[in-house]
Every structure is written in C-alpha cells, then in structure tokens.
Amino acid sequence: MATERWRQVRDHSWVKQMEAVCITVIFRGSRDAVFEALGVDAESEHRATFATAEGEWSEDRDVVQVWRSGEHLVVVEPNGFAGSLLETLLAMVQGRDAASVYWNVNAHMKVVIVDAGEVVREFDPLLYDDGGRPLPEEDGLGFGDSDQDVQDGALNVLERRTGVVLTEEALLRSEHPTFFALANWQRPQR
C-alpha cells in the first residue's frame, strides 16, 4: 500500500539542465567501495559545482562527486553512467540498499533499485515496457508517456525509495567533493 510519501510528486523540471548524468544514492554507503568500483583517484579531490565537474569530464577520465546526506552516500557522475551498469552498481553498493537513475542526450534512461545488494527493479522510464512488476514508488509518475517529464519522474522514484530529497541547490549550485576517475573503458570488466 502506497504511503503519503509515495503519492507526493515533487517538481524537478530543473533537471533539464543536466543533459547526461547518473545519480546513485546508497544507504550507509562506503566511499571506499565507490572509489574502488569507479577507479577514483582520491588524490584528485577538489570542490566543484555540477557544471564545473561536467566541464572537467573527458573521454579519458570520468568525474565523480561524492557526499553524505544523513545516512546516505550520494554519488553523482556528470556525463557519466557507471552507476547504471549492474556490475559496477553492485560493487558500489556492497550488499546495501540503493537507487540509481541515469539519462543521457540520446534518451537512454535507466532506473535501478537495489535492496540488500539484490536488484529488485530495473526499468527504462521512457519506454516503460519491460514486463516487470512496478514498485509503489513508480505510481503516478507518467512513465511510458512521451508527454511526461520522465527524468523528473525518475528522480521522484529515487527520492521516494531513499528518502533523500535532491534539490536544484544541492545538485546544481552547491560545491561538492569532486574526483577524477578512470573512464569506463579503462576500468577492469567485472
């Protein structure tokens, strides 16, 4: 049965400013596990906004922002997608609960929900015809309807599932610890 928290639909129309991103929220996540899974250079730490970090991305290196929000670890990959790859995501999560959302400029999208290290739901919010059983957190978000803002909906699922509210201020305007990481093609395949 859906709770009031699940019925609330927050306006995230500002996410259109993020052309390509992967956002992962891990309950009691380990920064070390994330760094290892993504090949992060801990020595490269600096503070940056999303736009600055996005500008630092190149084909030879990814950029990752990592910070805590209460008991959750927030991992933002400007122009990245590693957290949408199941093997990488599960290595980052290490048996914990997590939610990950990803989209890019080519309308590739994915939402992944992990409970205790097991993927319980994976879907494309734009196509939304995977035959899987929707979670209550997906209710009322217009997935599969090209007239709906499914990026907004994806972020709503992440917030409903984790309880972490990601605002425009937090994601776009605030400076966060930012790191360089191996590009996906450089990381060992799991």
Protein backbone atom coordinates (compact mmCIF):
# COMPACT_ATOMS: atom_id res chain seq x y z
CA MET A 1 0.00 0.00 0.00
CA ALA A 2 1.37 3.39 -1.01
CA THR A 3 2.15 5.89 1.71
CA GLU A 4 1.66 9.65 1.51
CA ARG A 5 5.39 9.97 0.80
CA TRP A 6 4.92 7.81 -2.31
CA ARG A 7 1.97 9.87 -3.52
CA GLN A 8 3.85 13.16 -3.39
CA VAL A 9 5.20 14.27 -6.76
CA ARG A 10 7.97 16.82 -6.49
CA ASP A 11 8.71 19.22 -9.35
CA HIS A 12 12.18 18.59 -10.72
CA SER A 13 11.77 20.37 -14.04
CA TRP A 14 15.19 21.92 -13.41
CA VAL A 15 16.81 18.53 -14.19
CA LYS A 16 16.70 19.53 -17.86
CA GLN A 17 19.89 21.47 -17.07
CA MET A 18 21.60 18.09 -16.64
CA GLU A 19 21.94 16.67 -20.15
CA ALA A 20 23.65 13.47 -19.05
CA VAL A 21 24.05 12.19 -15.50
CA CYS A 22 23.98 9.15 -13.27
CA ILE A 23 22.85 9.74 -9.69
CA THR A 24 23.18 6.93 -7.14
CA VAL A 25 22.09 7.09 -3.51
CA ILE A 26 23.35 4.33 -1.21
CA PHE A 27 22.05 3.74 2.33
CA ARG A 28 25.07 3.71 4.65
CA GLY A 29 27.26 3.58 1.57
CA SER A 30 31.02 3.24 1.72
CA ARG A 31 33.06 5.90 -0.03
CA ASP A 32 35.92 3.39 -0.31
CA ALA A 33 33.66 0.88 -2.13
CA VAL A 34 32.52 3.59 -4.55
CA PHE A 35 36.10 4.71 -5.15
CA GLU A 36 37.24 1.15 -5.85
CA ALA A 37 34.32 0.35 -8.16
CA LEU A 38 34.80 3.55 -10.17
CA GLY A 39 38.60 3.71 -10.12
CA VAL A 40 38.58 7.07 -8.33
CA ASP A 41 41.85 8.91 -7.74
CA ALA A 42 41.40 10.06 -4.11
CA GLU A 43 44.31 12.49 -4.54
CA SER A 44 42.36 14.42 -7.19
CA GLU A 45 39.83 15.74 -4.65
CA HIS A 46 38.61 19.27 -5.19
CA ARG A 47 35.30 21.09 -4.75
CA ALA A 48 33.13 21.86 -7.75
CA THR A 49 29.58 22.54 -8.82
CA PHE A 50 27.87 20.17 -11.24
CA ALA A 51 28.58 22.45 -14.22
CA THR A 52 32.26 22.77 -13.35
CA ALA A 53 32.58 19.00 -12.82
CA GLU A 54 30.76 18.33 -16.09
CA GLY A 55 33.27 20.59 -17.86
CA GLU A 56 36.15 18.56 -16.40
CA TRP A 57 34.89 15.31 -17.95
CA SER A 58 36.81 13.91 -20.91
CA GLU A 59 36.90 10.68 -22.89
CA ASP A 60 39.97 9.69 -20.90
CA ARG A 61 38.56 10.34 -17.42
CA ASP A 62 35.26 10.44 -15.63
CA VAL A 63 34.31 12.93 -12.95
CA VAL A 64 32.53 11.85 -9.78
CA GLN A 65 31.00 13.91 -6.98
CA VAL A 66 30.51 12.16 -3.63
CA TRP A 67 28.91 13.47 -0.45
CA ARG A 68 26.82 12.38 2.53
CA SER A 69 23.19 13.23 3.08
CA GLY A 70 22.28 11.90 6.51
CA GLU A 71 22.89 8.15 6.46
CA HIS A 72 23.11 8.07 2.66
CA LEU A 73 26.04 8.44 0.30
CA VAL A 74 25.19 10.46 -2.81
CA VAL A 75 27.24 9.72 -5.94
CA VAL A 76 26.80 12.00 -8.95
CA GLU A 77 28.52 11.30 -12.27
CA PRO A 78 28.21 14.34 -14.54
CA ASN A 79 28.10 12.99 -18.10
CA GLY A 80 28.68 9.50 -16.65
CA PHE A 81 26.81 6.23 -16.49
CA ALA A 82 28.85 3.73 -14.44
CA GLY A 83 26.25 3.57 -11.66
CA SER A 84 23.70 2.33 -14.20
CA LEU A 85 25.84 -0.72 -15.03
CA LEU A 86 24.67 -3.52 -12.75
CA GLU A 87 28.11 -4.99 -12.04
CA THR A 88 29.54 -1.60 -11.14
CA LEU A 89 26.48 -0.56 -9.15
CA LEU A 90 26.52 -3.76 -7.09
CA ALA A 91 30.24 -3.29 -6.40
CA MET A 92 29.49 0.26 -5.22
CA VAL A 93 26.57 -0.85 -3.05
CA GLN A 94 28.20 -3.86 -1.33
CA GLY A 95 25.03 -5.51 -0.05
CA ARG A 96 23.22 -2.31 0.91
CA ASP A 97 20.04 -0.59 -0.31
CA ALA A 98 20.39 1.87 -3.16
CA ALA A 99 18.65 3.62 -6.03
CA SER A 100 20.27 4.81 -9.23
CA VAL A 101 18.91 6.94 -12.08
CA TYR A 102 20.62 7.65 -15.38
CA TRP A 103 19.86 9.55 -18.56
CA ASN A 104 21.81 10.94 -21.48
CA VAL A 105 21.32 13.20 -24.51
CA ASN A 106 20.31 10.22 -26.68
CA ALA A 107 17.26 9.50 -24.48
CA HIS A 108 18.88 6.41 -22.96
CA MET A 109 17.46 6.13 -19.47
CA LYS A 110 17.51 3.67 -16.62
CA VAL A 111 16.28 3.39 -13.04
CA VAL A 112 17.71 0.64 -10.82
CA ILE A 113 16.53 -0.22 -7.31
CA VAL A 114 18.69 -2.43 -5.07
CA ASP A 115 17.59 -3.97 -1.76
CA ALA A 116 20.26 -5.59 0.43
CA GLY A 117 22.56 -5.91 -2.56
CA GLU A 118 19.96 -7.51 -4.86
CA VAL A 119 18.47 -5.75 -7.88
CA VAL A 120 14.70 -5.70 -7.28
CA ARG A 121 13.74 -3.41 -10.15
CA GLU A 122 15.34 -2.12 -13.33
CA PHE A 123 13.42 -0.18 -15.97
CA ASP A 124 13.58 2.43 -18.70
CA PRO A 125 11.24 5.25 -17.63
CA LEU A 126 10.77 6.44 -21.21
CA LEU A 127 9.83 3.12 -22.85
CA TYR A 128 8.47 1.56 -19.65
CA ASP A 129 7.50 -1.74 -21.23
CA ASP A 130 9.83 -4.22 -19.61
CA GLY A 131 7.17 -6.59 -18.30
CA GLY A 132 8.45 -6.15 -14.75
CA ARG A 133 6.29 -5.53 -11.74
CA PRO A 134 6.28 -1.80 -10.88
CA LEU A 135 7.12 -0.71 -7.37
CA PRO A 136 4.70 1.51 -5.43
CA GLU A 137 7.23 4.37 -5.73
CA GLU A 138 6.56 4.45 -9.51
CA ASP A 139 2.87 5.25 -9.09
CA GLY A 140 1.52 8.40 -10.73
CA LEU A 141 4.75 9.49 -12.44
CA GLY A 142 3.70 9.09 -16.09
CA PHE A 143 6.34 6.59 -17.15
CA GLY A 144 5.99 5.42 -20.73
CA ASP A 145 4.15 8.59 -21.77
CA SER A 146 6.29 10.71 -24.09
CA ASP A 147 4.34 13.80 -22.99
CA GLN A 148 5.54 13.36 -19.39
CA ASP A 149 8.85 14.50 -17.93
CA VAL A 150 10.27 11.08 -17.17
CA GLN A 151 13.58 12.48 -15.91
CA ASP A 152 11.56 14.26 -13.24
CA GLY A 153 9.73 11.00 -12.56
CA ALA A 154 12.96 9.04 -12.28
CA LEU A 155 14.29 11.46 -9.68
CA ASN A 156 10.97 11.17 -7.81
CA VAL A 157 11.42 7.37 -7.65
CA LEU A 158 14.93 7.78 -6.28
CA GLU A 159 13.68 10.22 -3.62
CA ARG A 160 10.66 8.12 -2.71
CA ARG A 161 12.78 5.00 -2.38
CA THR A 162 15.66 6.51 -0.38
CA GLY A 163 14.04 9.43 1.43
CA VAL A 164 16.88 11.68 0.20
CA VAL A 165 15.49 14.85 -1.40
CA LEU A 166 17.78 16.18 -4.11
CA THR A 167 17.10 19.82 -4.84
CA GLU A 168 18.36 22.09 -7.59
CA GLU A 169 20.50 23.83 -4.98
CA ALA A 170 22.06 20.55 -3.84
CA LEU A 171 22.67 19.04 -7.26
CA LEU A 172 23.48 22.03 -9.43
CA ARG A 173 24.55 25.02 -7.36
CA SER A 174 26.40 23.59 -4.37
CA GLU A 175 30.05 22.68 -4.50
CA HIS A 176 30.76 19.08 -3.52
CA PRO A 177 33.85 16.91 -3.13
CA THR A 178 34.73 16.06 -6.73
CA PHE A 179 37.19 13.48 -8.04
CA PHE A 180 38.64 12.18 -11.27
CA ALA A 181 38.09 8.51 -12.06
CA LEU A 182 39.06 6.04 -14.72
CA ALA A 183 36.93 6.28 -17.84
CA ASN A 184 34.56 3.34 -18.16
CA TRP A 185 36.64 1.76 -20.93
CA GLN A 186 39.70 1.86 -18.63
CA ARG A 187 38.10 0.02 -15.69
CA PRO A 188 38.51 -3.77 -15.46
CA GLN A 189 35.37 -5.61 -16.52
CA ARG A 190 33.76 -7.50 -13.66
